[in-house]
Amino acid sequence: MTLRLPAELEDQLKQAAESEHRSVQQTVLLAIEEYLSAGETAEILADPAALRGLAKAMESEQAGDVVYGIEAARALLAERKR
């Protein structure tokens, strides 16, 4: 992939990379990842069902209704089936 930037933007990118002790490639990659992540976050925030699911998950976590590992998950599912 080739990326052509205006000289001023290229200079700003190089300065940002240098100040963060990263390569220009790493800095560009991070910027793209953050941009895409922001889009995903906006989609979630615009979805009422997703927000309800997140709220329910937070309530479960605060209530201690969280398990870790496959065996713990299986035990919880078996308990809920009773």
N, C-alpha and C. Protein backbone atom coordinates (compact mmCIF):
# COMPACT_ATOMS: atom_id res chain seq x y z
N MET A 1 0.84 -1.17 0.00
CA MET A 1 0.00 0.00 0.00
C MET A 1 0.89 1.24 0.00
N THR A 2 0.55 2.18 -0.81
CA THR A 2 1.27 3.44 -0.87
C THR A 2 0.35 4.54 -0.40
N LEU A 3 0.88 5.41 0.42
CA LEU A 3 0.09 6.51 0.96
C LEU A 3 0.81 7.81 0.64
N ARG A 4 0.12 8.69 -0.05
CA ARG A 4 0.71 9.99 -0.38
C ARG A 4 0.02 11.05 0.46
N LEU A 5 0.83 11.80 1.17
CA LEU A 5 0.32 12.83 2.06
C LEU A 5 0.84 14.20 1.65
N PRO A 6 0.05 15.23 1.94
CA PRO A 6 0.60 16.58 1.75
C PRO A 6 1.83 16.74 2.65
N ALA A 7 2.77 17.54 2.22
CA ALA A 7 4.05 17.68 2.94
C ALA A 7 3.84 18.09 4.39
N GLU A 8 2.92 18.99 4.66
CA GLU A 8 2.68 19.45 6.03
C GLU A 8 2.17 18.30 6.91
N LEU A 9 1.25 17.50 6.37
CA LEU A 9 0.72 16.37 7.13
C LEU A 9 1.80 15.31 7.34
N GLU A 10 2.62 15.09 6.35
CA GLU A 10 3.72 14.13 6.48
C GLU A 10 4.70 14.57 7.57
N ASP A 11 4.99 15.87 7.61
CA ASP A 11 5.88 16.38 8.66
C ASP A 11 5.27 16.19 10.05
N GLN A 12 3.97 16.46 10.18
CA GLN A 12 3.29 16.28 11.46
C GLN A 12 3.31 14.81 11.87
N LEU A 13 3.11 13.92 10.92
CA LEU A 13 3.13 12.49 11.18
C LEU A 13 4.51 12.05 11.67
N LYS A 14 5.54 12.51 11.00
CA LYS A 14 6.90 12.16 11.40
C LYS A 14 7.21 12.68 12.81
N GLN A 15 6.78 13.90 13.10
CA GLN A 15 7.01 14.47 14.42
C GLN A 15 6.26 13.67 15.50
N ALA A 16 5.02 13.29 15.21
CA ALA A 16 4.23 12.51 16.17
C ALA A 16 4.89 11.15 16.40
N ALA A 17 5.34 10.52 15.34
CA ALA A 17 5.99 9.22 15.47
C ALA A 17 7.26 9.34 16.30
N GLU A 18 8.02 10.35 16.04
CA GLU A 18 9.28 10.53 16.77
C GLU A 18 9.01 10.81 18.25
N SER A 19 8.02 11.66 18.54
CA SER A 19 7.75 12.01 19.93
C SER A 19 7.20 10.83 20.72
N GLU A 20 6.57 9.88 20.04
CA GLU A 20 6.02 8.69 20.70
C GLU A 20 6.94 7.48 20.58
N HIS A 21 8.12 7.70 20.04
CA HIS A 21 9.12 6.63 19.87
C HIS A 21 8.54 5.45 19.09
N ARG A 22 7.86 5.78 18.01
CA ARG A 22 7.29 4.77 17.10
C ARG A 22 7.78 5.06 15.69
N SER A 23 7.64 4.04 14.86
CA SER A 23 7.93 4.27 13.44
C SER A 23 6.72 4.97 12.83
N VAL A 24 6.92 5.57 11.68
CA VAL A 24 5.81 6.20 10.97
C VAL A 24 4.75 5.15 10.65
N GLN A 25 5.18 3.96 10.25
CA GLN A 25 4.23 2.90 9.93
C GLN A 25 3.38 2.54 11.16
N GLN A 26 4.02 2.41 12.32
CA GLN A 26 3.28 2.09 13.54
C GLN A 26 2.29 3.20 13.88
N THR A 27 2.68 4.43 13.68
CA THR A 27 1.82 5.56 13.98
C THR A 27 0.62 5.59 13.06
N VAL A 28 0.84 5.33 11.78
CA VAL A 28 -0.27 5.28 10.82
C VAL A 28 -1.20 4.12 11.15
N LEU A 29 -0.64 2.96 11.46
CA LEU A 29 -1.44 1.78 11.79
C LEU A 29 -2.32 2.06 13.01
N LEU A 30 -1.74 2.67 14.03
CA LEU A 30 -2.50 3.01 15.24
C LEU A 30 -3.62 3.98 14.91
N ALA A 31 -3.35 4.97 14.11
CA ALA A 31 -4.37 5.95 13.73
C ALA A 31 -5.51 5.29 12.98
N ILE A 32 -5.21 4.37 12.08
CA ILE A 32 -6.25 3.66 11.33
C ILE A 32 -7.07 2.78 12.26
N GLU A 33 -6.41 2.06 13.17
CA GLU A 33 -7.12 1.21 14.12
C GLU A 33 -8.06 2.03 15.00
N GLU A 34 -7.59 3.18 15.47
CA GLU A 34 -8.42 4.05 16.30
C GLU A 34 -9.61 4.59 15.51
N TYR A 35 -9.40 4.95 14.26
CA TYR A 35 -10.47 5.44 13.41
C TYR A 35 -11.54 4.37 13.21
N LEU A 36 -11.12 3.16 12.90
CA LEU A 36 -12.07 2.07 12.69
C LEU A 36 -12.80 1.72 13.99
N SER A 37 -12.09 1.75 15.09
CA SER A 37 -12.70 1.47 16.39
C SER A 37 -13.76 2.51 16.74
N ALA A 38 -13.49 3.76 16.43
CA ALA A 38 -14.46 4.82 16.69
C ALA A 38 -15.75 4.58 15.89
N GLY A 39 -15.61 4.10 14.68
CA GLY A 39 -16.79 3.78 13.87
C GLY A 39 -17.60 2.65 14.48
N GLU A 40 -16.91 1.63 14.97
CA GLU A 40 -17.60 0.51 15.61
C GLU A 40 -18.31 0.97 16.87
N THR A 41 -17.66 1.83 17.64
CA THR A 41 -18.25 2.36 18.87
C THR A 41 -19.51 3.16 18.54
N ALA A 42 -19.45 3.97 17.50
CA ALA A 42 -20.61 4.76 17.09
C ALA A 42 -21.77 3.85 16.70
N GLU A 43 -21.48 2.74 16.02
CA GLU A 43 -22.53 1.79 15.64
C GLU A 43 -23.19 1.18 16.88
N ILE A 44 -22.38 0.81 17.86
CA ILE A 44 -22.91 0.22 19.09
C ILE A 44 -23.76 1.24 19.83
N LEU A 45 -23.29 2.47 19.95
CA LEU A 45 -24.02 3.50 20.66
C LEU A 45 -25.34 3.85 19.98
N ALA A 46 -25.44 3.59 18.69
CA ALA A 46 -26.67 3.87 17.95
C ALA A 46 -27.63 2.69 17.97
N ASP A 47 -27.25 1.57 18.58
CA ASP A 47 -28.07 0.35 18.60
C ASP A 47 -28.65 0.14 19.99
N PRO A 48 -29.94 0.43 20.19
CA PRO A 48 -30.55 0.28 21.52
C PRO A 48 -30.44 -1.14 22.07
N ALA A 49 -30.56 -2.15 21.23
CA ALA A 49 -30.46 -3.53 21.70
C ALA A 49 -29.06 -3.83 22.21
N ALA A 50 -28.06 -3.33 21.52
CA ALA A 50 -26.67 -3.53 21.96
C ALA A 50 -26.43 -2.83 23.29
N LEU A 51 -26.97 -1.63 23.45
CA LEU A 51 -26.80 -0.90 24.71
C LEU A 51 -27.49 -1.62 25.86
N ARG A 52 -28.68 -2.18 25.60
CA ARG A 52 -29.37 -2.96 26.64
C ARG A 52 -28.54 -4.18 27.02
N GLY A 53 -27.96 -4.85 26.04
CA GLY A 53 -27.12 -6.01 26.30
C GLY A 53 -25.90 -5.65 27.13
N LEU A 54 -25.29 -4.52 26.81
CA LEU A 54 -24.13 -4.07 27.59
C LEU A 54 -24.53 -3.73 29.02
N ALA A 55 -25.68 -3.09 29.19
CA ALA A 55 -26.15 -2.75 30.54
C ALA A 55 -26.42 -4.01 31.34
N LYS A 56 -27.04 -5.00 30.71
CA LYS A 56 -27.32 -6.26 31.39
C LYS A 56 -26.01 -6.96 31.78
N ALA A 57 -25.05 -6.94 30.90
CA ALA A 57 -23.75 -7.56 31.20
C ALA A 57 -23.06 -6.86 32.37
N MET A 58 -23.15 -5.54 32.41
CA MET A 58 -22.54 -4.79 33.51
C MET A 58 -23.24 -5.12 34.83
N GLU A 59 -24.57 -5.23 34.80
CA GLU A 59 -25.32 -5.60 36.01
C GLU A 59 -24.90 -6.99 36.48
N SER A 60 -24.78 -7.92 35.56
CA SER A 60 -24.37 -9.28 35.92
C SER A 60 -22.98 -9.28 36.53
N GLU A 61 -22.09 -8.51 35.95
CA GLU A 61 -20.71 -8.45 36.46
C GLU A 61 -20.70 -7.86 37.87
N GLN A 62 -21.48 -6.80 38.08
CA GLN A 62 -21.52 -6.17 39.40
C GLN A 62 -22.15 -7.09 40.44
N ALA A 63 -23.09 -7.95 40.00
CA ALA A 63 -23.75 -8.88 40.92
C ALA A 63 -22.89 -10.12 41.17
N GLY A 64 -21.77 -10.22 40.48
CA GLY A 64 -20.90 -11.38 40.65
C GLY A 64 -21.32 -12.58 39.83
N ASP A 65 -22.22 -12.37 38.91
CA ASP A 65 -22.71 -13.46 38.06
C ASP A 65 -21.80 -13.60 36.84
N VAL A 66 -20.53 -13.82 37.12
CA VAL A 66 -19.52 -13.93 36.07
C VAL A 66 -18.68 -15.17 36.37
N VAL A 67 -18.38 -15.92 35.34
CA VAL A 67 -17.54 -17.10 35.52
C VAL A 67 -16.39 -17.04 34.53
N TYR A 68 -15.33 -17.74 34.85
CA TYR A 68 -14.15 -17.76 34.00
C TYR A 68 -13.79 -19.21 33.70
N GLY A 69 -13.47 -19.47 32.48
CA GLY A 69 -13.05 -20.81 32.08
C GLY A 69 -14.24 -21.64 31.63
N ILE A 70 -13.97 -22.62 30.82
CA ILE A 70 -15.01 -23.44 30.21
C ILE A 70 -15.76 -24.28 31.24
N GLU A 71 -15.06 -24.83 32.19
CA GLU A 71 -15.73 -25.65 33.21
C GLU A 71 -16.68 -24.81 34.05
N ALA A 72 -16.26 -23.62 34.41
CA ALA A 72 -17.12 -22.73 35.20
C ALA A 72 -18.35 -22.33 34.39
N ALA A 73 -18.17 -22.07 33.11
CA ALA A 73 -19.30 -21.71 32.25
C ALA A 73 -20.27 -22.89 32.13
N ARG A 74 -19.76 -24.08 31.96
CA ARG A 74 -20.63 -25.27 31.88
C ARG A 74 -21.40 -25.47 33.17
N ALA A 75 -20.75 -25.29 34.31
CA ALA A 75 -21.41 -25.44 35.60
C ALA A 75 -22.52 -24.41 35.76
N LEU A 76 -22.28 -23.19 35.34
CA LEU A 76 -23.29 -22.14 35.44
C LEU A 76 -24.47 -22.46 34.56
N LEU A 77 -24.23 -22.92 33.34
CA LEU A 77 -25.32 -23.29 32.44
C LEU A 77 -26.14 -24.45 32.99
N ALA A 78 -25.48 -25.45 33.55
CA ALA A 78 -26.18 -26.58 34.15
C ALA A 78 -27.04 -26.13 35.31
N GLU A 79 -26.53 -25.21 36.10
CA GLU A 79 -27.26 -24.70 37.26
C GLU A 79 -28.50 -23.92 36.81
N ARG A 80 -28.38 -23.18 35.74
CA ARG A 80 -29.50 -22.39 35.23
C ARG A 80 -30.59 -23.27 34.63
N LYS A 81 -30.23 -24.44 34.13
CA LYS A 81 -31.22 -25.35 33.52
C LYS A 81 -32.12 -25.99 34.56
N ARG A 82 -31.68 -26.04 35.82
CA ARG A 82 -32.46 -26.68 36.87
C ARG A 82 -33.69 -25.91 37.21
